């Protein structure tokens, strides 16, 4: 088992930046690929970004490419999502997840956090 806890969400204005963090405990963090997903009200949960266990490979949804950056610090058991140039359509609950492949497929992830709310509004 691995437990995940997100933090860093909040209310920001369009164009602002936020950095989300996801701290892991339990099984060895460094064996897992990590992903960020988000779910807006009334919509399905969607892929945002993923990173391999080593951090050498990343994957992004087209909607966030060039604005969001995923990274990880295995010494701190933490994965980050740096979000720049935020837009109102980025408003959602953001979830981190752990799995065994850095993919955009939700069912490839075995462990999930509880989520953190990000609201982008003027």
Protein backbone atom coordinates (compact mmCIF):
# COMPACT_ATOMS: atom_id res chain seq x y z
CA UNK A 1 0.00 0.00 0.00
CA UNK A 2 0.97 3.59 -0.54
CA UNK A 3 -0.85 6.59 0.90
CA UNK A 4 -0.96 9.83 -1.06
CA UNK A 5 -1.82 13.31 0.14
CA UNK A 6 -2.15 16.37 -2.08
CA UNK A 7 -1.66 19.97 -1.02
CA UNK A 8 -1.20 23.40 -2.56
CA UNK A 9 -4.58 24.02 -4.11
CA UNK A 10 -6.44 27.27 -3.78
CA UNK A 11 -8.21 30.17 -5.44
CA UNK A 12 -6.15 32.12 -7.97
CA UNK A 13 -6.76 34.56 -10.80
CA UNK A 14 -6.29 33.77 -14.49
CA UNK A 15 -2.63 33.95 -15.41
CA UNK A 16 -1.43 33.10 -11.91
CA UNK A 17 0.68 30.10 -10.88
CA UNK A 18 0.28 27.35 -8.30
CA UNK A 19 2.42 24.42 -7.28
CA UNK A 20 0.70 21.28 -6.12
CA UNK A 21 2.50 18.72 -4.00
CA UNK A 22 1.71 15.08 -3.39
CA UNK A 23 3.44 13.39 -0.47
CA UNK A 24 3.62 9.61 -0.37
CA UNK A 25 4.06 7.19 2.50
CA UNK A 26 4.02 3.45 2.82
CA UNK A 27 5.63 1.40 0.09
CA UNK A 28 8.79 2.62 -1.56
CA UNK A 29 7.81 5.73 -3.47
CA UNK A 30 10.58 5.50 -6.02
CA UNK A 31 9.24 2.30 -7.61
CA UNK A 32 6.06 4.03 -8.74
CA UNK A 33 5.28 6.12 -11.74
CA UNK A 34 3.18 9.08 -10.67
CA UNK A 35 0.36 10.88 -12.37
CA UNK A 36 -1.82 13.92 -11.89
CA UNK A 37 -5.46 13.85 -12.92
CA UNK A 38 -8.26 16.36 -12.49
CA UNK A 39 -12.02 16.35 -12.33
CA UNK A 40 -14.22 19.35 -12.93
CA UNK A 41 -17.85 19.46 -11.75
CA UNK A 42 -20.05 17.33 -13.97
CA UNK A 43 -17.12 15.97 -15.95
CA UNK A 44 -15.13 12.77 -15.95
CA UNK A 45 -11.73 12.57 -14.36
CA UNK A 46 -9.06 13.39 -16.94
CA UNK A 47 -5.34 12.95 -17.30
CA UNK A 48 -3.07 15.93 -16.72
CA UNK A 49 0.54 14.72 -16.46
CA UNK A 50 2.65 11.69 -15.58
CA UNK A 51 6.26 11.01 -14.66
CA UNK A 52 8.27 7.81 -14.63
CA UNK A 53 9.74 6.34 -11.47
CA UNK A 54 13.15 7.87 -12.25
CA UNK A 55 11.82 11.18 -13.45
CA UNK A 56 13.46 10.74 -16.82
CA UNK A 57 10.22 10.50 -18.75
CA UNK A 58 7.18 12.77 -18.61
CA UNK A 59 3.85 12.93 -20.41
CA UNK A 60 1.34 15.78 -20.62
CA UNK A 61 -2.19 16.32 -21.79
CA UNK A 62 -2.34 18.65 -24.78
CA UNK A 63 -4.43 21.10 -22.78
CA UNK A 64 -1.62 21.74 -20.27
CA UNK A 65 1.49 21.21 -22.39
CA UNK A 66 3.84 24.17 -22.09
CA UNK A 67 2.05 25.52 -19.00
CA UNK A 68 2.33 22.68 -16.46
CA UNK A 69 5.44 20.83 -15.33
CA UNK A 70 5.51 17.58 -13.38
CA UNK A 71 8.54 16.69 -11.30
CA UNK A 72 9.45 14.44 -8.41
CA UNK A 73 11.89 14.25 -5.54
CA UNK A 74 12.33 10.62 -4.54
CA UNK A 75 14.38 11.59 -1.49
CA UNK A 76 11.34 13.48 -0.20
CA UNK A 77 8.74 10.99 -1.46
CA UNK A 78 6.98 13.86 -3.21
CA UNK A 79 5.72 14.64 -6.68
CA UNK A 80 4.94 18.17 -7.81
CA UNK A 81 2.80 19.84 -10.42
CA UNK A 82 3.89 23.37 -11.27
CA UNK A 83 0.99 25.13 -12.95
CA UNK A 84 1.62 28.42 -14.77
CA UNK A 85 -0.62 30.66 -16.84
CA UNK A 86 -3.69 29.20 -15.21
CA UNK A 87 -7.01 29.48 -17.01
CA UNK A 88 -10.58 29.25 -15.71
CA UNK A 89 -10.91 25.91 -17.51
CA UNK A 90 -8.17 24.52 -15.25
CA UNK A 91 -10.62 24.71 -12.35
CA UNK A 92 -11.02 21.21 -10.92
CA UNK A 93 -10.15 18.89 -8.09
CA UNK A 94 -6.62 17.65 -8.75
CA UNK A 95 -5.64 14.13 -7.77
CA UNK A 96 -2.27 12.45 -7.67
CA UNK A 97 -1.97 8.76 -8.35
CA UNK A 98 0.68 6.04 -8.21
CA UNK A 99 1.06 3.19 -10.65
CA UNK A 100 3.57 1.10 -12.53
CA UNK A 101 3.72 3.02 -15.77
CA UNK A 102 3.74 6.70 -16.64
CA UNK A 103 0.66 6.62 -18.83
CA UNK A 104 -2.45 8.69 -19.43
CA UNK A 105 -4.74 5.74 -18.71
CA UNK A 106 -6.60 6.12 -15.45
CA UNK A 107 -6.94 2.39 -14.82
CA UNK A 108 -3.15 1.99 -14.84
CA UNK A 109 -2.96 3.74 -11.48
CA UNK A 110 -3.50 1.73 -8.33
CA UNK A 111 -3.37 4.33 -5.56
CA UNK A 112 -5.06 7.71 -5.33
CA UNK A 113 -5.01 10.71 -3.07
CA UNK A 114 -8.08 12.56 -1.83
CA UNK A 115 -7.61 15.53 -4.12
CA UNK A 116 -7.04 19.26 -3.75
CA UNK A 117 -9.30 21.97 -5.17
CA UNK A 118 -7.91 24.44 -7.68
CA UNK A 119 -10.16 27.34 -8.64
CA UNK A 120 -9.15 29.85 -11.28
CA UNK A 121 -11.45 32.84 -11.30
CA UNK A 122 -11.32 36.61 -11.55
